[in-house]
């Protein structure tokens, strides 16, 4: 039996770890750290630093290579195939390092429930016959870190918020019936496709880290600066994680 703990680690800042997260990390027999092929964009070192900060016992920490997603296949098909490949990679590591079962932990950026597929990958292993229990330790999301960094509320009074992706915003435009959008996983600055009139943006990159970057203001003025800053930051660090909130003035306001 594999006792899997999916631990939300916030944005990589040790201060984002809850006491429950620290306890789960120390109780694990094995922590698996996914490693991307491009060393410059690899965040495994951030996870290693978290382990070095809080582990006090004999927990084994193993890095493994994360498969790549096929960029040329239709998106949903490519994601399904990618998740299958990740599940196979997990299974191989479990067979190698926990052949008799035990407690396994994975460190998940933000929280395992918000635009993260770790739970879906665990479901694949269980569907394939692996005996596994799953426990989720919640973490601070990038959305919480963004609103905290800008000291703003997520929603207007009695108003809804839609959490979406850059891909959806670019393909479908601003959704009807909502004036506040939280946009994640946007690698191409989809806000550039919107009419900026009456729209305010709050943007953050590397939230909670020492090199955190923030920008906010009217989209028409701030949007181009964010595009330029984002490109410069990616070139400087080799990778970027960012998120933004958009709010438009309601019609008739």
C-alpha atoms as a PDB file:
ATOM      1  CA  UNK A   1       0.000   0.000   0.000  1.00  0.00           C
ATOM      2  CA  UNK A   2       1.233   3.469  -0.944  1.00  0.00           C
ATOM      3  CA  UNK A   3       0.145   6.247   1.412  1.00  0.00           C
ATOM      4  CA  UNK A   4       0.440   9.268  -0.872  1.00  0.00           C
ATOM      5  CA  UNK A   5       0.524  12.777   0.550  1.00  0.00           C
ATOM      6  CA  UNK A   6       0.196  15.685  -1.884  1.00  0.00           C
ATOM      7  CA  UNK A   7       1.568  18.713  -0.087  1.00  0.00           C
ATOM      8  CA  UNK A   8       0.822  22.269  -1.166  1.00  0.00           C
ATOM      9  CA  UNK A   9       3.989  24.337  -0.806  1.00  0.00           C
ATOM     10  CA  UNK A  10       2.777  27.773  -1.864  1.00  0.00           C
ATOM     11  CA  UNK A  11       5.134  29.613  -4.196  1.00  0.00           C
ATOM     12  CA  UNK A  12       8.337  28.077  -2.874  1.00  0.00           C
ATOM     13  CA  UNK A  13       8.852  30.383   0.093  1.00  0.00           C
ATOM     14  CA  UNK A  14       9.554  28.309   3.242  1.00  0.00           C
ATOM     15  CA  UNK A  15       7.271  30.678   5.149  1.00  0.00           C
ATOM     16  CA  UNK A  16       4.376  29.397   3.010  1.00  0.00           C
ATOM     17  CA  UNK A  17       4.665  25.899   4.462  1.00  0.00           C
ATOM     18  CA  UNK A  18       2.029  25.117   7.053  1.00  0.00           C
ATOM     19  CA  UNK A  19       2.795  23.063  10.141  1.00  0.00           C
ATOM     20  CA  UNK A  20       0.739  20.285   8.570  1.00  0.00           C
ATOM     21  CA  UNK A  21       2.938  20.410   5.456  1.00  0.00           C
ATOM     22  CA  UNK A  22       6.144  20.237   7.498  1.00  0.00           C
ATOM     23  CA  UNK A  23       4.795  17.321   9.524  1.00  0.00           C
ATOM     24  CA  UNK A  24       3.776  15.439   6.385  1.00  0.00           C
ATOM     25  CA  UNK A  25       7.185  15.971   4.800  1.00  0.00           C
ATOM     26  CA  UNK A  26       8.958  14.650   7.873  1.00  0.00           C
ATOM     27  CA  UNK A  27       6.610  11.667   8.152  1.00  0.00           C
ATOM     28  CA  UNK A  28       7.263  10.577   4.558  1.00  0.00           C
ATOM     29  CA  UNK A  29       9.529   7.673   3.697  1.00  0.00           C
ATOM     30  CA  UNK A  30      10.161   9.186   0.269  1.00  0.00           C
ATOM     31  CA  UNK A  31       9.714  12.622  -1.318  1.00  0.00           C
ATOM     32  CA  UNK A  32       9.791  12.660  -5.113  1.00  0.00           C
ATOM     33  CA  UNK A  33      10.976  15.851  -6.824  1.00  0.00           C
ATOM     34  CA  UNK A  34      10.055  16.238 -10.511  1.00  0.00           C
ATOM     35  CA  UNK A  35      12.907  17.518 -12.656  1.00  0.00           C
ATOM     36  CA  UNK A  36      12.483  19.124 -16.073  1.00  0.00           C
ATOM     37  CA  UNK A  37      15.020  18.577 -18.800  1.00  0.00           C
ATOM     38  CA  UNK A  38      16.119  22.191 -19.175  1.00  0.00           C
ATOM     39  CA  UNK A  39      18.316  22.939 -16.165  1.00  0.00           C
ATOM     40  CA  UNK A  40      17.733  26.687 -16.468  1.00  0.00           C
ATOM     41  CA  UNK A  41      13.971  26.287 -16.103  1.00  0.00           C
ATOM     42  CA  UNK A  42      14.155  23.526 -13.549  1.00  0.00           C
ATOM     43  CA  UNK A  43      12.593  24.332 -10.194  1.00  0.00           C
ATOM     44  CA  UNK A  44      13.852  21.204  -8.475  1.00  0.00           C
ATOM     45  CA  UNK A  45      16.400  23.289  -6.558  1.00  0.00           C
ATOM     46  CA  UNK A  46      13.613  25.287  -4.914  1.00  0.00           C
ATOM     47  CA  UNK A  47      11.998  22.070  -3.724  1.00  0.00           C
ATOM     48  CA  UNK A  48      15.376  20.764  -2.550  1.00  0.00           C
ATOM     49  CA  UNK A  49      15.874  23.943  -0.548  1.00  0.00           C
ATOM     50  CA  UNK A  50      12.493  23.469   1.131  1.00  0.00           C
ATOM     51  CA  UNK A  51      13.459  19.911   2.066  1.00  0.00           C
ATOM     52  CA  UNK A  52      16.796  21.061   3.465  1.00  0.00           C
ATOM     53  CA  UNK A  53      14.992  23.742   5.479  1.00  0.00           C
ATOM     54  CA  UNK A  54      12.440  21.508   7.231  1.00  0.00           C
ATOM     55  CA  UNK A  55      13.472  17.840   7.123  1.00  0.00           C
ATOM     56  CA  UNK A  56      14.897  16.570  10.387  1.00  0.00           C
ATOM     57  CA  UNK A  57      14.755  12.794  10.015  1.00  0.00           C
ATOM     58  CA  UNK A  58      15.568  10.056   7.527  1.00  0.00           C
ATOM     59  CA  UNK A  59      13.161  10.958   4.725  1.00  0.00           C
ATOM     60  CA  UNK A  60      14.673   9.987   1.378  1.00  0.00           C
ATOM     61  CA  UNK A  61      14.561  12.699  -1.307  1.00  0.00           C
ATOM     62  CA  UNK A  62      14.783  11.552  -4.924  1.00  0.00           C
ATOM     63  CA  UNK A  63      14.613  13.642  -8.095  1.00  0.00           C
ATOM     64  CA  UNK A  64      13.202  12.094 -11.257  1.00  0.00           C
ATOM     65  CA  UNK A  65      12.875  13.275 -14.850  1.00  0.00           C
ATOM     66  CA  UNK A  66       9.474  14.616 -15.791  1.00  0.00           C
ATOM     67  CA  UNK A  67       8.261  13.654 -19.295  1.00  0.00           C
ATOM     68  CA  UNK A  68       7.664  16.424 -21.814  1.00  0.00           C
ATOM     69  CA  UNK A  69       4.264  17.317 -23.241  1.00  0.00           C
ATOM     70  CA  UNK A  70       4.016  17.088 -27.039  1.00  0.00           C
ATOM     71  CA  UNK A  71       3.597  20.702 -28.202  1.00  0.00           C
ATOM     72  CA  UNK A  72       2.463  19.631 -31.675  1.00  0.00           C
ATOM     73  CA  UNK A  73      -0.535  17.517 -30.671  1.00  0.00           C
ATOM     74  CA  UNK A  74      -4.028  18.918 -29.994  1.00  0.00           C
ATOM     75  CA  UNK A  75      -3.940  20.357 -26.497  1.00  0.00           C
ATOM     76  CA  UNK A  76      -6.323  18.052 -24.639  1.00  0.00           C
ATOM     77  CA  UNK A  77      -4.939  14.925 -26.297  1.00  0.00           C
ATOM     78  CA  UNK A  78      -1.403  16.037 -25.547  1.00  0.00           C
ATOM     79  CA  UNK A  79      -2.246  16.688 -21.880  1.00  0.00           C
ATOM     80  CA  UNK A  80      -3.907  13.267 -21.475  1.00  0.00           C
ATOM     81  CA  UNK A  81      -0.906  11.523 -23.006  1.00  0.00           C
ATOM     82  CA  UNK A  82       1.439  13.600 -20.870  1.00  0.00           C
ATOM     83  CA  UNK A  83      -0.412  12.681 -17.684  1.00  0.00           C
ATOM     84  CA  UNK A  84      -0.253   9.014 -18.657  1.00  0.00           C
ATOM     85  CA  UNK A  85       3.510   9.354 -19.084  1.00  0.00           C
ATOM     86  CA  UNK A  86       3.887  11.108 -15.721  1.00  0.00           C
ATOM     87  CA  UNK A  87       1.879   8.347 -14.036  1.00  0.00           C
ATOM     88  CA  UNK A  88       4.250   5.798 -15.577  1.00  0.00           C
ATOM     89  CA  UNK A  89       7.227   7.807 -14.263  1.00  0.00           C
ATOM     90  CA  UNK A  90       5.733   7.836 -10.776  1.00  0.00           C
ATOM     91  CA  UNK A  91       5.101   4.107 -10.930  1.00  0.00           C
ATOM     92  CA  UNK A  92       8.707   3.445 -11.920  1.00  0.00           C
ATOM     93  CA  UNK A  93      10.004   5.494  -8.974  1.00  0.00           C
ATOM     94  CA  UNK A  94       7.620   3.781  -6.559  1.00  0.00           C
ATOM     95  CA  UNK A  95       8.732   0.361  -7.781  1.00  0.00           C
ATOM     96  CA  UNK A  96      12.385   1.328  -7.408  1.00  0.00           C
ATOM     97  CA  UNK A  97      12.233   3.074  -4.032  1.00  0.00           C
ATOM     98  CA  UNK A  98       9.092   1.828  -2.235  1.00  0.00           C
ATOM     99  CA  UNK A  99       8.727  -1.757  -3.492  1.00  0.00           C
ATOM    100  CA  UNK A 100       7.055  -2.855  -0.249  1.00  0.00           C
ATOM    101  CA  UNK A 101       4.841   0.210   0.096  1.00  0.00           C
ATOM    102  CA  UNK A 102       5.176   3.161   2.428  1.00  0.00           C
ATOM    103  CA  UNK A 103       4.472   6.846   2.720  1.00  0.00           C
ATOM    104  CA  UNK A 104       5.199   8.900  -0.385  1.00  0.00           C
ATOM    105  CA  UNK A 105       5.059  12.696  -0.627  1.00  0.00           C
ATOM    106  CA  UNK A 106       5.054  15.062  -3.585  1.00  0.00           C
ATOM    107  CA  UNK A 107       5.489  18.811  -3.196  1.00  0.00           C
ATOM    108  CA  UNK A 108       2.901  20.672  -5.251  1.00  0.00           C
ATOM    109  CA  UNK A 109       3.232  24.338  -6.237  1.00  0.00           C
ATOM    110  CA  UNK A 110       0.440  26.359  -4.683  1.00  0.00           C
ATOM    111  CA  UNK A 111      -2.331  23.929  -3.784  1.00  0.00           C
ATOM    112  CA  UNK A 112      -3.147  20.535  -5.334  1.00  0.00           C
ATOM    113  CA  UNK A 113      -6.746  21.636  -6.018  1.00  0.00           C
ATOM    114  CA  UNK A 114      -6.126  24.706  -8.214  1.00  0.00           C
ATOM    115  CA  UNK A 115      -4.956  24.223 -11.804  1.00  0.00           C
ATOM    116  CA  UNK A 116      -2.758  21.311 -10.879  1.00  0.00           C
ATOM    117  CA  UNK A 117      -3.128  17.755 -12.171  1.00  0.00           C
ATOM    118  CA  UNK A 118      -1.307  15.809  -9.470  1.00  0.00           C
ATOM    119  CA  UNK A 119      -4.595  14.412  -8.138  1.00  0.00           C
ATOM    120  CA  UNK A 120      -5.571  13.271 -11.643  1.00  0.00           C
ATOM    121  CA  UNK A 121      -2.252  11.471 -12.012  1.00  0.00           C
ATOM    122  CA  UNK A 122      -2.780   9.717  -8.680  1.00  0.00           C
ATOM    123  CA  UNK A 123      -6.200   8.628  -9.968  1.00  0.00           C
ATOM    124  CA  UNK A 124      -4.513   7.027 -12.978  1.00  0.00           C
ATOM    125  CA  UNK A 125      -2.310   4.908 -10.712  1.00  0.00           C
ATOM    126  CA  UNK A 126      -5.270   3.781  -8.632  1.00  0.00           C
ATOM    127  CA  UNK A 127      -7.288   3.023 -11.759  1.00  0.00           C
ATOM    128  CA  UNK A 128      -4.347   0.938 -12.961  1.00  0.00           C
ATOM    129  CA  UNK A 129      -4.534  -1.231  -9.854  1.00  0.00           C
ATOM    130  CA  UNK A 130      -2.023   0.371  -7.492  1.00  0.00           C
ATOM    131  CA  UNK A 131      -3.157   0.154  -3.868  1.00  0.00           C
ATOM    132  CA  UNK A 132      -3.000   3.764  -2.756  1.00  0.00           C
ATOM    133  CA  UNK A 133      -4.536   6.174  -0.285  1.00  0.00           C
ATOM    134  CA  UNK A 134      -4.374   9.885  -1.033  1.00  0.00           C
ATOM    135  CA  UNK A 135      -4.167  12.724   1.488  1.00  0.00           C
ATOM    136  CA  UNK A 136      -4.057  16.379   0.444  1.00  0.00           C
ATOM    137  CA  UNK A 137      -2.285  18.981   2.584  1.00  0.00           C
ATOM    138  CA  UNK A 138      -3.557  22.368   1.367  1.00  0.00           C
ATOM    139  CA  UNK A 139      -1.180  25.179   0.527  1.00  0.00           C
ATOM    140  CA  UNK A 140      -1.184  28.911  -0.193  1.00  0.00           C
ATOM    141  CA  UNK A 141      -2.188  29.448  -3.814  1.00  0.00           C
ATOM    142  CA  UNK A 142      -0.555  31.922  -6.173  1.00  0.00           C
ATOM    143  CA  UNK A 143      -3.900  33.705  -6.271  1.00  0.00           C
ATOM    144  CA  UNK A 144      -3.759  34.311  -2.518  1.00  0.00           C
ATOM    145  CA  UNK A 145      -0.143  35.396  -2.781  1.00  0.00           C
ATOM    146  CA  UNK A 146      -1.068  37.851  -5.555  1.00  0.00           C
ATOM    147  CA  UNK A 147      -3.902  39.555  -3.685  1.00  0.00           C
ATOM    148  CA  UNK A 148      -1.816  39.679  -0.513  1.00  0.00           C
ATOM    149  CA  UNK A 149       1.165  41.203  -2.337  1.00  0.00           C
ATOM    150  CA  UNK A 150      -1.056  43.958  -3.757  1.00  0.00           C
ATOM    151  CA  UNK A 151      -3.141  44.264  -0.549  1.00  0.00           C
ATOM    152  CA  UNK A 152      -6.417  44.007  -2.472  1.00  0.00           C
ATOM    153  CA  UNK A 153      -9.580  41.942  -2.034  1.00  0.00           C
ATOM    154  CA  UNK A 154     -10.160  39.261  -4.630  1.00  0.00           C
ATOM    155  CA  UNK A 155     -13.776  40.229  -5.252  1.00  0.00           C
ATOM    156  CA  UNK A 156     -15.934  43.327  -5.309  1.00  0.00           C
ATOM    157  CA  UNK A 157     -18.817  43.425  -2.825  1.00  0.00           C
ATOM    158  CA  UNK A 158     -21.289  40.600  -3.560  1.00  0.00           C
ATOM    159  CA  UNK A 159     -19.662  40.082  -6.968  1.00  0.00           C
ATOM    160  CA  UNK A 160     -18.396  36.871  -8.592  1.00  0.00           C
ATOM    161  CA  UNK A 161     -14.843  36.050  -9.653  1.00  0.00           C
ATOM    162  CA  UNK A 162     -13.887  33.727 -12.508  1.00  0.00           C
ATOM    163  CA  UNK A 163     -10.604  31.811 -12.358  1.00  0.00           C
ATOM    164  CA  UNK A 164      -9.450  30.913 -15.841  1.00  0.00           C
ATOM    165  CA  UNK A 165      -6.360  30.364 -17.994  1.00  0.00           C
ATOM    166  CA  UNK A 166      -4.538  32.469 -20.513  1.00  0.00           C
ATOM    167  CA  UNK A 167      -5.441  29.975 -23.237  1.00  0.00           C
ATOM    168  CA  UNK A 168      -9.171  30.318 -22.493  1.00  0.00           C
ATOM    169  CA  UNK A 169      -8.968  34.110 -22.331  1.00  0.00           C
ATOM    170  CA  UNK A 170      -7.148  34.266 -25.660  1.00  0.00           C
ATOM    171  CA  UNK A 171      -9.527  31.854 -27.402  1.00  0.00           C
ATOM    172  CA  UNK A 172     -12.880  32.984 -25.991  1.00  0.00           C
ATOM    173  CA  UNK A 173     -12.355  36.559 -24.804  1.00  0.00           C
ATOM    174  CA  UNK A 174     -13.790  38.090 -21.645  1.00  0.00           C
ATOM    175  CA  UNK A 175     -16.562  35.809 -20.321  1.00  0.00           C
ATOM    176  CA  UNK A 176     -20.076  37.176 -19.909  1.00  0.00           C
ATOM    177  CA  UNK A 177     -21.531  37.889 -16.492  1.00  0.00           C
ATOM    178  CA  UNK A 178     -18.337  38.577 -14.559  1.00  0.00           C
ATOM    179  CA  UNK A 179     -16.196  41.686 -14.081  1.00  0.00           C
ATOM    180  CA  UNK A 180     -13.233  40.150 -12.225  1.00  0.00           C
ATOM    181  CA  UNK A 181     -10.954  37.533 -13.805  1.00  0.00           C
ATOM    182  CA  UNK A 182      -8.055  35.710 -12.175  1.00  0.00           C
ATOM    183  CA  UNK A 183      -5.819  34.426 -14.971  1.00  0.00           C
ATOM    184  CA  UNK A 184      -3.326  31.594 -14.487  1.00  0.00           C
ATOM    185  CA  UNK A 185      -1.024  29.624 -16.787  1.00  0.00           C
ATOM    186  CA  UNK A 186      -0.660  32.450 -19.291  1.00  0.00           C
ATOM    187  CA  UNK A 187       2.583  32.162 -21.193  1.00  0.00           C
ATOM    188  CA  UNK A 188       1.611  34.633 -23.931  1.00  0.00           C
ATOM    189  CA  UNK A 189       0.112  37.655 -22.149  1.00  0.00           C
ATOM    190  CA  UNK A 190      -3.465  37.027 -23.267  1.00  0.00           C
ATOM    191  CA  UNK A 191      -4.546  40.354 -21.737  1.00  0.00           C
ATOM    192  CA  UNK A 192      -3.056  41.894 -24.887  1.00  0.00           C
ATOM    193  CA  UNK A 193      -6.066  40.586 -26.834  1.00  0.00           C
ATOM    194  CA  UNK A 194      -8.610  42.528 -24.755  1.00  0.00           C
ATOM    195  CA  UNK A 195     -10.080  45.992 -25.123  1.00  0.00           C
ATOM    196  CA  UNK A 196      -8.231  47.693 -22.240  1.00  0.00           C
ATOM    197  CA  UNK A 197     -10.784  50.458 -21.687  1.00  0.00           C
ATOM    198  CA  UNK A 198     -11.940  50.511 -18.087  1.00  0.00           C
ATOM    199  CA  UNK A 199      -9.805  47.494 -17.097  1.00  0.00           C
ATOM    200  CA  UNK A 200      -7.333  47.428 -14.191  1.00  0.00           C
ATOM    201  CA  UNK A 201      -4.640  44.747 -13.894  1.00  0.00           C
ATOM    202  CA  UNK A 202      -2.733  43.480 -10.863  1.00  0.00           C
ATOM    203  CA  UNK A 203       0.203  41.283 -11.905  1.00  0.00           C
ATOM    204  CA  UNK A 204       2.827  39.370  -9.985  1.00  0.00           C
ATOM    205  CA  UNK A 205       5.754  37.118 -10.864  1.00  0.00           C
ATOM    206  CA  UNK A 206       7.879  34.925  -8.553  1.00  0.00           C
ATOM    207  CA  UNK A 207       5.392  35.685  -5.791  1.00  0.00           C
ATOM    208  CA  UNK A 208       6.776  35.173  -2.314  1.00  0.00           C
ATOM    209  CA  UNK A 209      10.337  34.796  -3.573  1.00  0.00           C
ATOM    210  CA  UNK A 210      13.251  37.149  -3.020  1.00  0.00           C
ATOM    211  CA  UNK A 211      12.987  38.430  -6.608  1.00  0.00           C
ATOM    212  CA  UNK A 212       9.213  38.962  -6.608  1.00  0.00           C
ATOM    213  CA  UNK A 213       8.012  41.482  -9.216  1.00  0.00           C
ATOM    214  CA  UNK A 214       4.701  43.371  -9.104  1.00  0.00           C
ATOM    215  CA  UNK A 215       2.865  45.792 -11.358  1.00  0.00           C
ATOM    216  CA  UNK A 216      -0.627  47.268 -11.284  1.00  0.00           C
ATOM    217  CA  UNK A 217      -2.717  49.981 -12.852  1.00  0.00           C
ATOM    218  CA  UNK A 218      -4.849  50.641 -15.930  1.00  0.00           C
ATOM    219  CA  UNK A 219      -4.360  47.842 -18.448  1.00  0.00           C
ATOM    220  CA  UNK A 220      -3.799  50.268 -21.322  1.00  0.00           C
ATOM    221  CA  UNK A 221      -0.783  51.792 -19.551  1.00  0.00           C
ATOM    222  CA  UNK A 222       0.580  48.853 -17.570  1.00  0.00           C
ATOM    223  CA  UNK A 223      -0.017  45.994 -20.012  1.00  0.00           C
ATOM    224  CA  UNK A 224       2.861  46.842 -22.387  1.00  0.00           C
ATOM    225  CA  UNK A 225       5.222  47.288 -19.430  1.00  0.00           C
ATOM    226  CA  UNK A 226       4.273  43.848 -18.122  1.00  0.00           C
ATOM    227  CA  UNK A 227       4.935  42.264 -21.521  1.00  0.00           C
ATOM    228  CA  UNK A 228       8.422  43.794 -21.608  1.00  0.00           C
ATOM    229  CA  UNK A 229       9.180  43.007 -17.963  1.00  0.00           C
ATOM    230  CA  UNK A 230       8.010  39.425 -18.353  1.00  0.00           C
ATOM    231  CA  UNK A 231      10.326  38.821 -21.318  1.00  0.00           C
ATOM    232  CA  UNK A 232      13.276  40.364 -19.476  1.00  0.00           C
ATOM    233  CA  UNK A 233      12.623  38.340 -16.323  1.00  0.00           C
ATOM    234  CA  UNK A 234      12.344  35.067 -18.239  1.00  0.00           C
ATOM    235  CA  UNK A 235      15.644  35.820 -19.971  1.00  0.00           C
ATOM    236  CA  UNK A 236      17.281  36.659 -16.637  1.00  0.00           C
ATOM    237  CA  UNK A 237      16.044  33.680 -14.609  1.00  0.00           C
ATOM    238  CA  UNK A 238      15.468  31.082 -17.334  1.00  0.00           C
ATOM    239  CA  UNK A 239      11.865  30.513 -16.192  1.00  0.00           C
ATOM    240  CA  UNK A 240       8.905  32.497 -14.940  1.00  0.00           C
ATOM    241  CA  UNK A 241       5.777  31.862 -12.910  1.00  0.00           C
ATOM    242  CA  UNK A 242       3.244  34.664 -12.879  1.00  0.00           C
ATOM    243  CA  UNK A 243      -0.455  35.360 -12.400  1.00  0.00           C
ATOM    244  CA  UNK A 244      -2.708  38.376 -12.729  1.00  0.00           C
ATOM    245  CA  UNK A 245      -6.107  39.731 -11.786  1.00  0.00           C
ATOM    246  CA  UNK A 246      -8.212  41.777 -14.180  1.00  0.00           C
ATOM    247  CA  UNK A 247     -11.139  43.928 -13.077  1.00  0.00           C
ATOM    248  CA  UNK A 248     -13.265  46.043 -15.328  1.00  0.00           C
ATOM    249  CA  UNK A 249     -15.637  48.849 -14.396  1.00  0.00           C
ATOM    250  CA  UNK A 250     -19.170  47.397 -14.587  1.00  0.00           C
ATOM    251  CA  UNK A 251     -21.400  48.778 -17.323  1.00  0.00           C
ATOM    252  CA  UNK A 252     -23.309  51.809 -16.032  1.00  0.00           C
ATOM    253  CA  UNK A 253     -21.026  52.247 -13.015  1.00  0.00           C
END
